[in-house]
Amino acid sequence: MTLPTLPVEAEPSLQTLVRDLIQMLGEDPNREGLRQTPARVEKALRYLTRGYGQSPAQVLNGATFTTDYDEMVIVKDIDFFSLCEHHLLPFYGKCHIAYLPNRKIIGLSKLPRLVDLFSRRLQVQERLTMEIARVIEDKLKPKGVGVVMEAAHLCVMMRGVEKQNAHMVTSSMLGRFRSDNKTREEFLELIKRKS
C-alpha cells in the first residue's frame, strides 16, 4: 500500500525573507527606495559568502613548487572582509602569513585567495585565523606557519559597547612558529615594518 504524499511547503526565498525583515523593522517594502532591496541584499549576501562554494584544493589548484629555499616567506597586509556569524555584521582588516618552507613553496597569489576563501563565510576571527594556518600546514607540510589577523568589527563599533577604535588581533602559530621564540619574534617584527 502506498501512502499519499503530503504537499511540502516550499521554503521561502532569501528575497522573501529580506522583504519580511524590512516589513518587521517597520518599513514599507513597496516604497520606491526599498522595492529592489531584497534582490540587492540577496546578491550581496551570496557574494559575501561565496567561500562556501569553494574548497582549498580548488583555490590552491596545485600551485606548489619544489625548491631548496628554506628561509621565512611572508605575505603581509592582505586585505580581507568577512561577516561576523553572531550579528551578520562585517569585520575587516589585514592578514599576515608566514611559513618556513620544507622543500615546497606556494604561488604568491594563492595565499590571498586562501584568505578570501575562508573570510567569505560566516566567521569568528579566531576560527578564520586557525583555518588559514591549518590549510597551509596541511598542503605544504612546512617547518612552521604563522598567521596574524588584525580587524575592526562593526558589531563592536555600531552596537553594544560602540567602541570605534577597538581592534582585535588573533594569531595561529604552528610548528617552529609555536616552538621557537626566535622564529615567532622575527615574524612579528617583520610584519610591523612599513614597506
N, C-alpha and C. Protein backbone atom coordinates (compact mmCIF):
# COMPACT_ATOMS: atom_id res chain seq x y z
N MET A 1 0.84 -1.18 0.00
CA MET A 1 0.00 0.00 0.00
C MET A 1 0.89 1.24 0.00
N THR A 2 0.60 2.15 -0.88
CA THR A 2 1.35 3.39 -0.99
C THR A 2 0.64 4.49 -0.24
N LEU A 3 1.43 5.16 0.63
CA LEU A 3 0.85 6.28 1.38
C LEU A 3 0.84 7.53 0.52
N PRO A 4 -0.19 8.33 0.65
CA PRO A 4 -0.23 9.57 -0.14
C PRO A 4 0.87 10.52 0.33
N THR A 5 1.44 11.22 -0.60
CA THR A 5 2.47 12.20 -0.23
C THR A 5 1.78 13.52 0.12
N LEU A 6 2.23 14.08 1.20
CA LEU A 6 1.68 15.35 1.63
C LEU A 6 2.42 16.48 0.92
N PRO A 7 1.75 17.55 0.62
CA PRO A 7 2.44 18.67 -0.04
C PRO A 7 3.49 19.26 0.91
N VAL A 8 4.66 19.47 0.39
CA VAL A 8 5.72 20.06 1.18
C VAL A 8 5.68 21.56 0.98
N GLU A 9 5.62 22.28 2.09
CA GLU A 9 5.59 23.73 2.00
C GLU A 9 6.95 24.21 1.50
N ALA A 10 6.94 25.00 0.47
CA ALA A 10 8.19 25.50 -0.10
C ALA A 10 8.87 26.42 0.89
N GLU A 11 10.19 26.29 0.97
CA GLU A 11 10.95 27.19 1.82
C GLU A 11 10.92 28.58 1.21
N PRO A 12 10.85 29.60 2.06
CA PRO A 12 10.82 30.95 1.49
C PRO A 12 12.17 31.29 0.86
N SER A 13 12.13 32.11 -0.15
CA SER A 13 13.37 32.53 -0.79
C SER A 13 14.07 33.56 0.08
N LEU A 14 15.34 33.76 -0.19
CA LEU A 14 16.09 34.77 0.55
C LEU A 14 15.48 36.15 0.34
N GLN A 15 15.02 36.42 -0.86
CA GLN A 15 14.39 37.72 -1.13
C GLN A 15 13.10 37.88 -0.33
N THR A 16 12.33 36.82 -0.19
CA THR A 16 11.11 36.88 0.62
C THR A 16 11.45 37.16 2.08
N LEU A 17 12.49 36.51 2.58
CA LEU A 17 12.91 36.73 3.97
C LEU A 17 13.36 38.18 4.19
N VAL A 18 14.10 38.73 3.22
CA VAL A 18 14.56 40.12 3.34
C VAL A 18 13.36 41.06 3.29
N ARG A 19 12.43 40.78 2.41
CA ARG A 19 11.22 41.62 2.32
C ARG A 19 10.46 41.58 3.65
N ASP A 20 10.31 40.39 4.22
CA ASP A 20 9.64 40.25 5.52
C ASP A 20 10.41 41.00 6.62
N LEU A 21 11.72 40.92 6.57
CA LEU A 21 12.55 41.62 7.55
C LEU A 21 12.34 43.13 7.46
N ILE A 22 12.34 43.65 6.27
CA ILE A 22 12.11 45.09 6.07
C ILE A 22 10.77 45.50 6.68
N GLN A 23 9.77 44.66 6.43
CA GLN A 23 8.43 44.95 6.96
C GLN A 23 8.42 44.86 8.49
N MET A 24 9.09 43.86 9.05
CA MET A 24 9.14 43.69 10.51
C MET A 24 9.88 44.82 11.20
N LEU A 25 10.78 45.47 10.47
CA LEU A 25 11.51 46.61 11.03
C LEU A 25 10.67 47.88 10.99
N GLY A 26 9.47 47.79 10.39
CA GLY A 26 8.56 48.93 10.38
C GLY A 26 8.57 49.75 9.11
N GLU A 27 9.19 49.21 8.07
CA GLU A 27 9.26 49.92 6.79
C GLU A 27 8.30 49.30 5.79
N ASP A 28 8.06 50.03 4.73
CA ASP A 28 7.20 49.56 3.65
C ASP A 28 8.10 49.00 2.54
N PRO A 29 8.12 47.67 2.35
CA PRO A 29 8.98 47.10 1.32
C PRO A 29 8.58 47.50 -0.10
N ASN A 30 7.39 48.12 -0.25
CA ASN A 30 6.95 48.57 -1.57
C ASN A 30 7.34 50.02 -1.86
N ARG A 31 7.95 50.68 -0.87
CA ARG A 31 8.42 52.04 -1.09
C ARG A 31 9.49 52.04 -2.17
N GLU A 32 9.52 53.10 -2.97
CA GLU A 32 10.41 53.15 -4.14
C GLU A 32 11.86 52.75 -3.80
N GLY A 33 12.42 53.30 -2.76
CA GLY A 33 13.82 53.02 -2.43
C GLY A 33 14.07 51.61 -1.93
N LEU A 34 13.01 50.90 -1.54
CA LEU A 34 13.16 49.56 -0.97
C LEU A 34 12.67 48.43 -1.89
N ARG A 35 12.00 48.79 -2.99
CA ARG A 35 11.42 47.75 -3.85
C ARG A 35 12.44 46.73 -4.33
N GLN A 36 13.62 47.17 -4.71
CA GLN A 36 14.65 46.26 -5.24
C GLN A 36 15.64 45.80 -4.16
N THR A 37 15.44 46.25 -2.93
CA THR A 37 16.38 45.90 -1.86
C THR A 37 16.48 44.40 -1.63
N PRO A 38 15.39 43.64 -1.59
CA PRO A 38 15.54 42.19 -1.39
C PRO A 38 16.45 41.53 -2.43
N ALA A 39 16.33 41.93 -3.68
CA ALA A 39 17.19 41.35 -4.73
C ALA A 39 18.64 41.79 -4.52
N ARG A 40 18.84 43.06 -4.17
CA ARG A 40 20.20 43.55 -3.95
C ARG A 40 20.85 42.87 -2.74
N VAL A 41 20.07 42.69 -1.67
CA VAL A 41 20.61 42.05 -0.47
C VAL A 41 20.97 40.60 -0.76
N GLU A 42 20.11 39.90 -1.49
CA GLU A 42 20.43 38.51 -1.84
C GLU A 42 21.73 38.44 -2.63
N LYS A 43 21.86 39.30 -3.63
CA LYS A 43 23.07 39.31 -4.46
C LYS A 43 24.30 39.60 -3.61
N ALA A 44 24.19 40.58 -2.71
CA ALA A 44 25.32 40.94 -1.85
C ALA A 44 25.68 39.79 -0.91
N LEU A 45 24.69 39.18 -0.28
CA LEU A 45 24.98 38.09 0.66
C LEU A 45 25.58 36.88 -0.04
N ARG A 46 25.10 36.59 -1.24
CA ARG A 46 25.68 35.46 -1.97
C ARG A 46 27.14 35.75 -2.34
N TYR A 47 27.43 37.00 -2.68
CA TYR A 47 28.81 37.39 -2.98
C TYR A 47 29.69 37.32 -1.73
N LEU A 48 29.18 37.85 -0.63
CA LEU A 48 29.95 37.92 0.61
C LEU A 48 30.17 36.55 1.25
N THR A 49 29.39 35.56 0.86
CA THR A 49 29.54 34.21 1.44
C THR A 49 29.90 33.18 0.36
N ARG A 50 30.50 33.63 -0.72
CA ARG A 50 30.81 32.70 -1.81
C ARG A 50 31.89 31.69 -1.44
N GLY A 51 32.55 31.87 -0.32
CA GLY A 51 33.55 30.91 0.14
C GLY A 51 32.96 29.53 0.42
N TYR A 52 31.65 29.46 0.66
CA TYR A 52 31.02 28.15 0.88
C TYR A 52 31.05 27.29 -0.37
N GLY A 53 31.13 27.94 -1.52
CA GLY A 53 31.14 27.19 -2.78
C GLY A 53 32.54 26.87 -3.28
N GLN A 54 33.55 27.11 -2.46
CA GLN A 54 34.93 26.86 -2.85
C GLN A 54 35.61 25.95 -1.85
N SER A 55 36.65 25.28 -2.30
CA SER A 55 37.45 24.45 -1.40
C SER A 55 38.91 24.88 -1.51
N PRO A 56 39.72 24.61 -0.48
CA PRO A 56 41.15 24.94 -0.57
C PRO A 56 41.82 24.30 -1.78
N ALA A 57 41.45 23.08 -2.11
CA ALA A 57 42.06 22.40 -3.26
C ALA A 57 41.79 23.17 -4.56
N GLN A 58 40.55 23.69 -4.72
CA GLN A 58 40.22 24.48 -5.91
C GLN A 58 41.04 25.76 -5.96
N VAL A 59 41.15 26.42 -4.83
CA VAL A 59 41.85 27.70 -4.77
C VAL A 59 43.35 27.52 -4.99
N LEU A 60 43.93 26.53 -4.35
CA LEU A 60 45.38 26.32 -4.47
C LEU A 60 45.74 25.71 -5.82
N ASN A 61 44.85 24.93 -6.38
CA ASN A 61 44.95 24.43 -7.76
C ASN A 61 46.34 23.88 -8.11
N GLY A 62 46.93 23.15 -7.17
CA GLY A 62 48.22 22.51 -7.44
C GLY A 62 49.39 23.46 -7.59
N ALA A 63 49.26 24.70 -7.14
CA ALA A 63 50.32 25.70 -7.34
C ALA A 63 51.38 25.62 -6.24
N THR A 64 51.92 24.42 -6.03
CA THR A 64 53.05 24.25 -5.11
C THR A 64 54.25 23.83 -5.94
N PHE A 65 55.41 24.30 -5.52
CA PHE A 65 56.62 24.09 -6.30
C PHE A 65 57.76 23.63 -5.40
N THR A 66 58.56 22.72 -5.90
CA THR A 66 59.70 22.20 -5.16
C THR A 66 60.85 23.20 -5.24
N THR A 67 61.51 23.43 -4.09
CA THR A 67 62.62 24.38 -4.06
C THR A 67 63.54 24.06 -2.89
N ASP A 68 64.76 24.57 -2.95
CA ASP A 68 65.69 24.44 -1.83
C ASP A 68 65.60 25.62 -0.87
N TYR A 69 64.79 26.61 -1.19
CA TYR A 69 64.67 27.79 -0.34
C TYR A 69 64.11 27.39 1.02
N ASP A 70 64.79 27.80 2.10
CA ASP A 70 64.33 27.38 3.42
C ASP A 70 64.24 28.52 4.42
N GLU A 71 64.24 29.76 3.94
CA GLU A 71 64.07 30.92 4.81
C GLU A 71 62.59 31.30 4.87
N MET A 72 62.26 32.16 5.80
CA MET A 72 60.88 32.55 6.01
C MET A 72 60.28 33.24 4.79
N VAL A 73 59.07 32.86 4.44
CA VAL A 73 58.30 33.50 3.37
C VAL A 73 57.14 34.22 4.07
N ILE A 74 57.00 35.51 3.77
CA ILE A 74 55.93 36.30 4.40
C ILE A 74 55.14 37.02 3.32
N VAL A 75 53.83 36.96 3.45
CA VAL A 75 52.93 37.82 2.67
C VAL A 75 52.14 38.59 3.70
N LYS A 76 52.32 39.91 3.72
CA LYS A 76 51.66 40.70 4.76
C LYS A 76 50.70 41.71 4.17
N ASP A 77 49.89 42.26 5.03
CA ASP A 77 48.91 43.28 4.65
C ASP A 77 47.92 42.81 3.61
N ILE A 78 47.46 41.58 3.74
CA ILE A 78 46.41 41.05 2.85
C ILE A 78 45.08 41.59 3.36
N ASP A 79 44.45 42.45 2.60
CA ASP A 79 43.15 42.99 3.00
C ASP A 79 42.10 41.88 2.97
N PHE A 80 41.22 41.91 3.95
CA PHE A 80 40.11 40.95 3.95
C PHE A 80 38.89 41.59 4.58
N PHE A 81 37.73 41.03 4.27
CA PHE A 81 36.50 41.37 4.97
C PHE A 81 35.70 40.09 5.14
N SER A 82 34.90 40.07 6.19
CA SER A 82 34.09 38.89 6.48
C SER A 82 32.82 39.35 7.16
N LEU A 83 31.95 38.39 7.44
CA LEU A 83 30.72 38.66 8.19
C LEU A 83 30.76 37.91 9.51
N CYS A 84 30.57 38.63 10.59
CA CYS A 84 30.51 38.04 11.92
C CYS A 84 29.30 37.10 11.99
N GLU A 85 29.54 35.88 12.42
CA GLU A 85 28.43 34.92 12.46
C GLU A 85 27.43 35.21 13.57
N HIS A 86 27.79 36.07 14.51
CA HIS A 86 26.88 36.37 15.61
C HIS A 86 25.84 37.44 15.27
N HIS A 87 26.23 38.43 14.44
CA HIS A 87 25.32 39.53 14.13
C HIS A 87 25.16 39.77 12.63
N LEU A 88 25.89 39.02 11.81
CA LEU A 88 25.89 39.22 10.36
C LEU A 88 26.34 40.63 9.98
N LEU A 89 27.21 41.20 10.80
CA LEU A 89 27.80 42.50 10.50
C LEU A 89 29.23 42.29 10.05
N PRO A 90 29.75 43.17 9.20
CA PRO A 90 31.10 42.99 8.68
C PRO A 90 32.19 43.18 9.73
N PHE A 91 33.30 42.47 9.51
CA PHE A 91 34.57 42.83 10.14
C PHE A 91 35.62 42.78 9.04
N TYR A 92 36.63 43.63 9.19
CA TYR A 92 37.59 43.78 8.10
C TYR A 92 38.95 44.17 8.67
N GLY A 93 39.99 43.89 7.90
CA GLY A 93 41.31 44.24 8.35
C GLY A 93 42.40 43.69 7.46
N LYS A 94 43.51 43.31 8.11
CA LYS A 94 44.70 42.82 7.41
C LYS A 94 45.07 41.44 7.96
N CYS A 95 45.57 40.62 7.05
CA CYS A 95 46.06 39.29 7.42
C CYS A 95 47.53 39.23 7.02
N HIS A 96 48.35 38.64 7.89
CA HIS A 96 49.78 38.46 7.64
C HIS A 96 50.07 36.97 7.76
N ILE A 97 50.73 36.40 6.75
CA ILE A 97 51.01 34.96 6.72
C ILE A 97 52.50 34.75 6.52
N ALA A 98 53.05 33.81 7.28
CA ALA A 98 54.45 33.41 7.08
C ALA A 98 54.53 31.89 7.16
N TYR A 99 55.50 31.33 6.44
CA TYR A 99 55.79 29.91 6.58
C TYR A 99 57.26 29.67 6.33
N LEU A 100 57.75 28.58 6.88
CA LEU A 100 59.12 28.13 6.67
C LEU A 100 59.06 26.93 5.75
N PRO A 101 59.48 27.09 4.49
CA PRO A 101 59.35 26.00 3.51
C PRO A 101 60.11 24.74 3.92
N ASN A 102 59.54 23.64 3.57
CA ASN A 102 60.17 22.34 3.75
C ASN A 102 60.20 21.68 2.36
N ARG A 103 61.02 22.27 1.47
CA ARG A 103 61.19 21.84 0.09
C ARG A 103 59.99 22.17 -0.82
N LYS A 104 58.99 22.92 -0.28
CA LYS A 104 57.85 23.32 -1.10
C LYS A 104 57.50 24.77 -0.82
N ILE A 105 57.18 25.50 -1.89
CA ILE A 105 56.62 26.84 -1.75
C ILE A 105 55.29 26.87 -2.51
N ILE A 106 54.55 27.94 -2.29
CA ILE A 106 53.24 28.06 -2.94
C ILE A 106 53.22 29.33 -3.77
N GLY A 107 52.47 29.33 -4.86
CA GLY A 107 52.34 30.52 -5.70
C GLY A 107 51.86 31.71 -4.89
N LEU A 108 52.46 32.86 -5.12
CA LEU A 108 52.22 34.05 -4.32
C LEU A 108 50.74 34.43 -4.23
N SER A 109 50.01 34.35 -5.33
CA SER A 109 48.60 34.77 -5.31
C SER A 109 47.70 33.83 -4.52
N LYS A 110 48.19 32.63 -4.23
CA LYS A 110 47.34 31.63 -3.59
C LYS A 110 47.05 31.96 -2.13
N LEU A 111 47.98 32.61 -1.45
CA LEU A 111 47.75 32.92 -0.03
C LEU A 111 46.63 33.95 0.13
N PRO A 112 46.62 35.08 -0.62
CA PRO A 112 45.46 35.97 -0.53
C PRO A 112 44.15 35.29 -0.94
N ARG A 113 44.22 34.39 -1.91
CA ARG A 113 43.00 33.68 -2.32
C ARG A 113 42.49 32.76 -1.22
N LEU A 114 43.42 32.19 -0.47
CA LEU A 114 43.04 31.33 0.66
C LEU A 114 42.37 32.17 1.76
N VAL A 115 42.91 33.36 2.00
CA VAL A 115 42.30 34.28 2.97
C VAL A 115 40.87 34.60 2.53
N ASP A 116 40.70 34.90 1.24
CA ASP A 116 39.35 35.21 0.72
C ASP A 116 38.41 34.03 0.89
N LEU A 117 38.89 32.84 0.59
CA LEU A 117 38.05 31.64 0.69
C LEU A 117 37.41 31.53 2.07
N PHE A 118 38.21 31.63 3.12
CA PHE A 118 37.68 31.45 4.46
C PHE A 118 36.99 32.69 5.01
N SER A 119 37.41 33.88 4.56
CA SER A 119 36.75 35.08 5.06
C SER A 119 35.40 35.31 4.40
N ARG A 120 35.16 34.68 3.26
CA ARG A 120 33.87 34.83 2.58
C ARG A 120 32.88 33.76 3.05
N ARG A 121 32.89 33.57 4.36
CA ARG A 121 31.94 32.69 5.05
C ARG A 121 31.53 33.40 6.33
N LEU A 122 30.46 32.95 6.95
CA LEU A 122 30.12 33.49 8.26
C LEU A 122 31.21 33.02 9.22
N GLN A 123 31.80 33.97 9.97
CA GLN A 123 33.02 33.64 10.69
C GLN A 123 33.08 34.27 12.07
N VAL A 124 34.00 33.75 12.86
CA VAL A 124 34.58 34.45 14.00
C VAL A 124 36.07 34.55 13.66
N GLN A 125 36.69 35.63 14.07
CA GLN A 125 38.08 35.88 13.67
C GLN A 125 39.03 34.79 14.16
N GLU A 126 38.76 34.26 15.35
CA GLU A 126 39.64 33.22 15.90
C GLU A 126 39.68 31.99 15.00
N ARG A 127 38.52 31.52 14.56
CA ARG A 127 38.46 30.34 13.69
C ARG A 127 39.05 30.64 12.32
N LEU A 128 38.74 31.82 11.80
CA LEU A 128 39.27 32.23 10.50
C LEU A 128 40.79 32.14 10.49
N THR A 129 41.43 32.63 11.54
CA THR A 129 42.89 32.62 11.65
C THR A 129 43.42 31.18 11.64
N MET A 130 42.78 30.32 12.43
CA MET A 130 43.22 28.92 12.51
C MET A 130 43.01 28.18 11.20
N GLU A 131 41.88 28.41 10.53
CA GLU A 131 41.61 27.70 9.28
C GLU A 131 42.67 27.98 8.23
N ILE A 132 43.07 29.23 8.12
CA ILE A 132 44.10 29.60 7.14
C ILE A 132 45.41 28.89 7.46
N ALA A 133 45.82 28.95 8.72
CA ALA A 133 47.09 28.32 9.13
C ALA A 133 47.06 26.81 8.91
N ARG A 134 45.96 26.17 9.26
CA ARG A 134 45.90 24.71 9.15
C ARG A 134 45.93 24.22 7.70
N VAL A 135 45.30 24.96 6.79
CA VAL A 135 45.34 24.55 5.39
C VAL A 135 46.75 24.67 4.84
N ILE A 136 47.44 25.75 5.18
CA ILE A 136 48.83 25.91 4.72
C ILE A 136 49.69 24.78 5.28
N GLU A 137 49.50 24.47 6.55
CA GLU A 137 50.26 23.37 7.16
C GLU A 137 49.95 22.05 6.47
N ASP A 138 48.69 21.80 6.19
CA ASP A 138 48.27 20.55 5.57
C ASP A 138 48.79 20.42 4.13
N LYS A 139 48.72 21.50 3.35
CA LYS A 139 49.06 21.42 1.93
C LYS A 139 50.56 21.50 1.66
N LEU A 140 51.30 22.27 2.47
CA LEU A 140 52.72 22.46 2.21
C LEU A 140 53.64 21.61 3.10
N LYS A 141 53.12 21.19 4.24
CA LYS A 141 53.94 20.47 5.23
C LYS A 141 55.21 21.28 5.54
N PRO A 142 55.08 22.58 5.85
CA PRO A 142 56.25 23.40 6.12
C PRO A 142 56.82 23.12 7.51
N LYS A 143 57.95 23.71 7.80
CA LYS A 143 58.54 23.58 9.14
C LYS A 143 57.76 24.40 10.15
N GLY A 144 56.99 25.34 9.68
CA GLY A 144 56.16 26.15 10.56
C GLY A 144 55.30 27.11 9.77
N VAL A 145 54.20 27.55 10.40
CA VAL A 145 53.26 28.51 9.81
C VAL A 145 52.87 29.51 10.88
N GLY A 146 52.81 30.77 10.49
CA GLY A 146 52.30 31.81 11.38
C GLY A 146 51.28 32.65 10.64
N VAL A 147 50.14 32.88 11.28
CA VAL A 147 49.10 33.75 10.71
C VAL A 147 48.69 34.73 11.79
N VAL A 148 48.70 36.02 11.46
CA VAL A 148 48.22 37.06 12.36
C VAL A 148 47.16 37.85 11.61
N MET A 149 46.03 38.08 12.28
CA MET A 149 44.95 38.86 11.68
C MET A 149 44.59 40.00 12.62
N GLU A 150 44.44 41.20 12.04
CA GLU A 150 44.04 42.40 12.78
C GLU A 150 42.75 42.89 12.14
N ALA A 151 41.72 43.14 12.96
CA ALA A 151 40.44 43.51 12.35
C ALA A 151 39.63 44.46 13.22
N ALA A 152 38.84 45.27 12.55
CA ALA A 152 37.82 46.10 13.18
C ALA A 152 36.48 45.41 12.94
N HIS A 153 35.67 45.34 13.98
CA HIS A 153 34.39 44.64 13.93
C HIS A 153 33.24 45.63 14.06
N LEU A 154 32.39 45.70 13.05
CA LEU A 154 31.27 46.63 13.12
C LEU A 154 30.28 46.28 14.23
N CYS A 155 30.24 45.02 14.66
CA CYS A 155 29.35 44.65 15.76
C CYS A 155 29.81 45.30 17.07
N VAL A 156 31.09 45.64 17.17
CA VAL A 156 31.62 46.35 18.34
C VAL A 156 31.52 47.86 18.12
N MET A 157 31.68 48.29 16.89
CA MET A 157 31.69 49.71 16.58
C MET A 157 30.29 50.34 16.55
N MET A 158 29.31 49.61 16.04
CA MET A 158 27.99 50.18 15.78
C MET A 158 26.94 49.85 16.83
N ARG A 159 27.17 48.82 17.63
CA ARG A 159 26.17 48.39 18.61
C ARG A 159 26.91 47.95 19.87
N GLY A 160 26.19 47.53 20.87
CA GLY A 160 26.84 47.05 22.09
C GLY A 160 27.69 48.14 22.73
N VAL A 161 28.99 47.90 22.83
CA VAL A 161 29.87 48.87 23.51
C VAL A 161 30.19 50.10 22.67
N GLU A 162 29.96 50.05 21.36
CA GLU A 162 30.16 51.18 20.45
C GLU A 162 31.54 51.81 20.60
N LYS A 163 32.57 51.01 20.45
CA LYS A 163 33.96 51.47 20.53
C LYS A 163 34.59 51.44 19.14
N GLN A 164 34.76 52.61 18.54
CA GLN A 164 35.23 52.69 17.16
C GLN A 164 36.71 52.38 16.99
N ASN A 165 37.49 52.49 18.05
CA ASN A 165 38.93 52.28 17.91
C ASN A 165 39.41 50.93 18.43
N ALA A 166 38.50 50.07 18.82
CA ALA A 166 38.90 48.74 19.31
C ALA A 166 39.17 47.83 18.12
N HIS A 167 40.33 47.22 18.10
CA HIS A 167 40.71 46.27 17.06
C HIS A 167 41.06 44.94 17.71
N MET A 168 40.73 43.88 17.04
CA MET A 168 41.04 42.55 17.54
C MET A 168 42.23 42.00 16.77
N VAL A 169 43.16 41.39 17.50
CA VAL A 169 44.31 40.74 16.88
C VAL A 169 44.31 39.28 17.31
N THR A 170 44.39 38.39 16.32
CA THR A 170 44.44 36.96 16.60
C THR A 170 45.65 36.37 15.89
N SER A 171 46.14 35.26 16.42
CA SER A 171 47.27 34.59 15.77
C SER A 171 47.10 33.09 15.87
N SER A 172 47.69 32.42 14.91
CA SER A 172 47.80 30.96 14.94
C SER A 172 49.23 30.64 14.56
N MET A 173 49.95 30.04 15.49
CA MET A 173 51.36 29.71 15.30
C MET A 173 51.49 28.19 15.36
N LEU A 174 52.01 27.61 14.29
CA LEU A 174 52.17 26.15 14.20
C LEU A 174 53.63 25.81 13.92
N GLY A 175 54.04 24.63 14.34
CA GLY A 175 55.41 24.18 14.08
C GLY A 175 56.41 25.08 14.78
N ARG A 176 57.45 25.48 14.04
CA ARG A 176 58.51 26.30 14.64
C ARG A 176 58.04 27.68 15.08
N PHE A 177 56.97 28.17 14.50
CA PHE A 177 56.44 29.46 14.94
C PHE A 177 55.88 29.35 16.37
N ARG A 178 55.47 28.15 16.76
CA ARG A 178 54.98 27.94 18.11
C ARG A 178 56.12 27.55 19.06
N SER A 179 57.01 26.70 18.59
CA SER A 179 58.04 26.14 19.48
C SER A 179 59.30 26.98 19.60
N ASP A 180 59.56 27.86 18.63
CA ASP A 180 60.81 28.61 18.62
C ASP A 180 60.51 30.11 18.75
N ASN A 181 60.83 30.67 19.92
CA ASN A 181 60.56 32.09 20.17
C ASN A 181 61.22 32.99 19.15
N LYS A 182 62.44 32.66 18.74
CA LYS A 182 63.18 33.49 17.80
C LYS A 182 62.46 33.58 16.44
N THR A 183 61.96 32.46 15.97
CA THR A 183 61.22 32.43 14.70
C THR A 183 59.95 33.28 14.82
N ARG A 184 59.21 33.08 15.89
CA ARG A 184 57.97 33.83 16.10
C ARG A 184 58.27 35.33 16.19
N GLU A 185 59.30 35.70 16.95
CA GLU A 185 59.64 37.12 17.12
C GLU A 185 60.08 37.75 15.80
N GLU A 186 60.83 37.00 14.98
CA GLU A 186 61.24 37.52 13.67
C GLU A 186 60.02 37.82 12.82
N PHE A 187 59.07 36.91 12.79
CA PHE A 187 57.83 37.11 12.03
C PHE A 187 57.09 38.35 12.53
N LEU A 188 56.89 38.43 13.84
CA LEU A 188 56.14 39.55 14.40
C LEU A 188 56.85 40.88 14.15
N GLU A 189 58.16 40.88 14.20
CA GLU A 189 58.93 42.10 13.94
C GLU A 189 58.81 42.50 12.46
N LEU A 190 58.90 41.54 11.57
CA LEU A 190 58.83 41.85 10.13
C LEU A 190 57.46 42.38 9.71
N ILE A 191 56.39 41.91 10.33
CA ILE A 191 55.07 42.41 9.91
C ILE A 191 54.80 43.81 10.45
N LYS A 192 55.56 44.24 11.45
CA LYS A 192 55.42 45.62 11.97
C LYS A 192 56.04 46.64 11.04
N ARG A 193 57.05 46.24 10.29
CA ARG A 193 57.78 47.17 9.43
C ARG A 193 56.90 47.67 8.29
N LYS A 194 57.03 48.94 8.02
CA LYS A 194 56.32 49.53 6.88
C LYS A 194 57.11 49.25 5.62
N SER A 195 56.41 48.93 4.56
CA SER A 195 57.09 48.62 3.28
C SER A 195 57.66 49.86 2.65
